[in-house]
Amino acid sequence: MLIFSFVPVVLSLLVLGAHFLRFGQMPAVFGTLVLIGLLFVRRPWAARVVQVALVLGTVEWLRTLMQLTVERMHAGQPYIRMALIIGAVAAVAALSAWLFQRRPLGDVYGLAPRSQATG
C-alpha cells in the first residue's frame, strides 16, 4: 500500500519536470529529478523539501493556468478544457504535498502526528 502513496508524488514531480522541459528550463528539470531521488532519503528534512517543492509547483501550475486562460480568452480560443486539466494537475500537486502529513508517507519520513496516550 505504501507504493500507492508515492504514485501521485512522483507523477506530480514528473509532470512538473515536463512543464519546465517544454520551456527549456533545464536547471528546473534537473531539480525535479533530484527531488525524485530525494524521496529515497527517509528523513523529515527530505520530505519537507519535497513538500515545499510540490507547493511551489502548485503555485506554478496556478500561475500557468491564469496566464494561458487569459491568453486564450483574448485570442477567442476555447479555454475551459485546458483550465480543467491544469486545475486538476495543480490539485494533484497540492494533494501530493499533503500526503506527507498522513499515513503511510508521514510514518516513513517521521512526519505523521503521533497519538499520545493520556492517562
C-alpha atoms as a PDB file:
ATOM      1  CA  MET A   1       0.000   0.000   0.000  1.00  0.00           C
ATOM      2  CA  LEU A   2       2.929   2.333   0.642  1.00  0.00           C
ATOM      3  CA  ILE A   3       3.898   2.350  -3.028  1.00  0.00           C
ATOM      4  CA  PHE A   4       0.494   3.802  -3.967  1.00  0.00           C
ATOM      5  CA  SER A   5       1.170   6.803  -1.738  1.00  0.00           C
ATOM      6  CA  PHE A   6       4.265   7.629  -3.764  1.00  0.00           C
ATOM      7  CA  VAL A   7       2.470   7.487  -7.140  1.00  0.00           C
ATOM      8  CA  PRO A   8       0.856  10.962  -7.047  1.00  0.00           C
ATOM      9  CA  VAL A   9       4.054  12.481  -5.633  1.00  0.00           C
ATOM     10  CA  VAL A  10       6.282  11.052  -8.360  1.00  0.00           C
ATOM     11  CA  LEU A  11       3.747  11.801 -11.103  1.00  0.00           C
ATOM     12  CA  SER A  12       3.408  15.395  -9.886  1.00  0.00           C
ATOM     13  CA  LEU A  13       7.178  15.848  -9.981  1.00  0.00           C
ATOM     14  CA  LEU A  14       7.472  14.232 -13.425  1.00  0.00           C
ATOM     15  CA  VAL A  15       4.718  16.394 -14.908  1.00  0.00           C
ATOM     16  CA  LEU A  16       6.293  19.483 -13.342  1.00  0.00           C
ATOM     17  CA  GLY A  17       9.629  18.479 -14.862  1.00  0.00           C
ATOM     18  CA  ALA A  18       7.957  18.058 -18.268  1.00  0.00           C
ATOM     19  CA  HIS A  19       6.422  21.518 -17.886  1.00  0.00           C
ATOM     20  CA  PHE A  20       9.862  23.012 -17.242  1.00  0.00           C
ATOM     21  CA  LEU A  21      11.359  20.998 -20.121  1.00  0.00           C
ATOM     22  CA  ARG A  22       8.769  22.418 -22.520  1.00  0.00           C
ATOM     23  CA  PHE A  23      10.025  25.900 -21.704  1.00  0.00           C
ATOM     24  CA  GLY A  24      13.703  24.915 -21.818  1.00  0.00           C
ATOM     25  CA  GLN A  25      14.326  25.453 -18.110  1.00  0.00           C
ATOM     26  CA  MET A  26      16.923  22.719 -17.725  1.00  0.00           C
ATOM     27  CA  PRO A  27      18.033  23.595 -14.156  1.00  0.00           C
ATOM     28  CA  ALA A  28      14.412  23.211 -13.019  1.00  0.00           C
ATOM     29  CA  VAL A  29      14.125  19.890 -14.888  1.00  0.00           C
ATOM     30  CA  PHE A  30      17.276  18.678 -13.134  1.00  0.00           C
ATOM     31  CA  GLY A  31      15.838  19.906  -9.823  1.00  0.00           C
ATOM     32  CA  THR A  32      12.681  17.846 -10.220  1.00  0.00           C
ATOM     33  CA  LEU A  33      14.791  14.756 -10.925  1.00  0.00           C
ATOM     34  CA  VAL A  34      16.829  15.442  -7.793  1.00  0.00           C
ATOM     35  CA  LEU A  35      13.582  15.729  -5.829  1.00  0.00           C
ATOM     36  CA  ILE A  36      12.509  12.292  -7.033  1.00  0.00           C
ATOM     37  CA  GLY A  37      15.838  10.936  -5.816  1.00  0.00           C
ATOM     38  CA  LEU A  38      15.336  12.737  -2.518  1.00  0.00           C
ATOM     39  CA  LEU A  39      12.294  10.546  -1.903  1.00  0.00           C
ATOM     40  CA  PHE A  40      14.736   7.739  -1.091  1.00  0.00           C
ATOM     41  CA  VAL A  41      16.163   9.764   1.815  1.00  0.00           C
ATOM     42  CA  ARG A  42      13.869   8.828   4.674  1.00  0.00           C
ATOM     43  CA  ARG A  43      14.434  11.875   6.841  1.00  0.00           C
ATOM     44  CA  PRO A  44      11.964  14.604   7.847  1.00  0.00           C
ATOM     45  CA  TRP A  45      14.030  17.345   6.158  1.00  0.00           C
ATOM     46  CA  ALA A  46      13.935  15.458   2.832  1.00  0.00           C
ATOM     47  CA  ALA A  47      10.153  15.172   2.986  1.00  0.00           C
ATOM     48  CA  ARG A  48       9.845  18.876   3.831  1.00  0.00           C
ATOM     49  CA  VAL A  49      11.998  19.830   0.842  1.00  0.00           C
ATOM     50  CA  VAL A  50       9.783  17.763  -1.455  1.00  0.00           C
ATOM     51  CA  GLN A  51       6.652  19.209   0.181  1.00  0.00           C
ATOM     52  CA  VAL A  52       7.834  22.774  -0.366  1.00  0.00           C
ATOM     53  CA  ALA A  53       8.688  21.943  -3.977  1.00  0.00           C
ATOM     54  CA  LEU A  54       5.219  20.476  -4.515  1.00  0.00           C
ATOM     55  CA  VAL A  55       3.565  23.561  -3.008  1.00  0.00           C
ATOM     56  CA  LEU A  56       5.703  25.787  -5.245  1.00  0.00           C
ATOM     57  CA  GLY A  57       4.784  23.505  -8.141  1.00  0.00           C
ATOM     58  CA  THR A  58       1.113  24.034  -7.317  1.00  0.00           C
ATOM     59  CA  VAL A  59       1.676  27.793  -7.398  1.00  0.00           C
ATOM     60  CA  GLU A  60       3.438  27.439 -10.775  1.00  0.00           C
ATOM     61  CA  TRP A  61       0.513  25.450 -12.166  1.00  0.00           C
ATOM     62  CA  LEU A  62      -1.970  28.067 -10.942  1.00  0.00           C
ATOM     63  CA  ARG A  63       0.166  30.854 -12.462  1.00  0.00           C
ATOM     64  CA  THR A  64       0.296  28.959 -15.750  1.00  0.00           C
ATOM     65  CA  LEU A  65      -3.447  28.355 -15.585  1.00  0.00           C
ATOM     66  CA  MET A  66      -4.167  32.052 -15.199  1.00  0.00           C
ATOM     67  CA  GLN A  67      -1.714  33.075 -17.912  1.00  0.00           C
ATOM     68  CA  LEU A  68      -2.938  30.571 -20.505  1.00  0.00           C
ATOM     69  CA  THR A  69      -6.581  31.237 -19.732  1.00  0.00           C
ATOM     70  CA  VAL A  70      -6.153  34.981 -20.275  1.00  0.00           C
ATOM     71  CA  GLU A  71      -4.179  34.407 -23.481  1.00  0.00           C
ATOM     72  CA  ARG A  72      -6.795  32.035 -24.880  1.00  0.00           C
ATOM     73  CA  MET A  73      -9.678  34.282 -23.882  1.00  0.00           C
ATOM     74  CA  HIS A  74      -8.101  37.264 -25.643  1.00  0.00           C
ATOM     75  CA  ALA A  75      -7.427  35.156 -28.732  1.00  0.00           C
ATOM     76  CA  GLY A  76     -11.001  33.867 -28.760  1.00  0.00           C
ATOM     77  CA  GLN A  77      -9.846  30.277 -28.365  1.00  0.00           C
ATOM     78  CA  PRO A  78     -11.532  27.642 -26.216  1.00  0.00           C
ATOM     79  CA  TYR A  79     -10.065  27.537 -22.733  1.00  0.00           C
ATOM     80  CA  ILE A  80     -12.393  25.647 -20.386  1.00  0.00           C
ATOM     81  CA  ARG A  81     -10.984  22.157 -21.050  1.00  0.00           C
ATOM     82  CA  MET A  82      -7.419  23.464 -20.700  1.00  0.00           C
ATOM     83  CA  ALA A  83      -8.363  25.172 -17.434  1.00  0.00           C
ATOM     84  CA  LEU A  84      -9.931  21.993 -16.057  1.00  0.00           C
ATOM     85  CA  ILE A  85      -6.880  19.905 -16.950  1.00  0.00           C
ATOM     86  CA  ILE A  86      -4.326  22.298 -15.491  1.00  0.00           C
ATOM     87  CA  GLY A  87      -6.549  22.843 -12.457  1.00  0.00           C
ATOM     88  CA  ALA A  88      -6.626  19.077 -11.894  1.00  0.00           C
ATOM     89  CA  VAL A  89      -2.827  18.894 -12.218  1.00  0.00           C
ATOM     90  CA  ALA A  90      -2.495  21.683  -9.643  1.00  0.00           C
ATOM     91  CA  ALA A  91      -4.905  19.874  -7.313  1.00  0.00           C
ATOM     92  CA  VAL A  92      -2.929  16.616  -7.559  1.00  0.00           C
ATOM     93  CA  ALA A  93       0.300  18.512  -6.808  1.00  0.00           C
ATOM     94  CA  ALA A  94      -1.303  20.072  -3.720  1.00  0.00           C
ATOM     95  CA  LEU A  95      -2.692  16.690  -2.648  1.00  0.00           C
ATOM     96  CA  SER A  96       0.773  15.182  -3.088  1.00  0.00           C
ATOM     97  CA  ALA A  97       2.259  17.730  -0.696  1.00  0.00           C
ATOM     98  CA  TRP A  98      -0.482  16.994   1.836  1.00  0.00           C
ATOM     99  CA  LEU A  99       0.122  13.221   1.660  1.00  0.00           C
ATOM    100  CA  PHE A 100       3.366  13.638   3.594  1.00  0.00           C
ATOM    101  CA  GLN A 101       1.295  14.668   6.623  1.00  0.00           C
ATOM    102  CA  ARG A 102      -0.804  11.494   6.528  1.00  0.00           C
ATOM    103  CA  ARG A 103      -0.092   7.813   6.897  1.00  0.00           C
ATOM    104  CA  PRO A 104       1.747   5.964   5.439  1.00  0.00           C
ATOM    105  CA  LEU A 105       4.095   8.621   3.990  1.00  0.00           C
ATOM    106  CA  GLY A 106       4.161  10.574   7.232  1.00  0.00           C
ATOM    107  CA  ASP A 107       5.278   7.458   9.081  1.00  0.00           C
ATOM    108  CA  VAL A 108       8.032   6.756   6.565  1.00  0.00           C
ATOM    109  CA  TYR A 109       9.519  10.222   6.999  1.00  0.00           C
ATOM    110  CA  GLY A 110       8.635  10.720  10.661  1.00  0.00           C
ATOM    111  CA  LEU A 111       6.100  13.472   9.950  1.00  0.00           C
ATOM    112  CA  ALA A 112       2.751  11.896  10.830  1.00  0.00           C
ATOM    113  CA  PRO A 113       1.251  13.139  14.072  1.00  0.00           C
ATOM    114  CA  ARG A 114       1.664  10.568  16.779  1.00  0.00           C
ATOM    115  CA  SER A 115      -1.199   9.875  19.132  1.00  0.00           C
ATOM    116  CA  GLN A 116      -0.180  10.153  22.754  1.00  0.00           C
ATOM    117  CA  ALA A 117      -1.766   8.060  25.442  1.00  0.00           C
ATOM    118  CA  THR A 118      -3.408  10.151  28.116  1.00  0.00           C
ATOM    119  CA  GLY A 119      -3.641   8.738  31.478  1.00  0.00           C
END
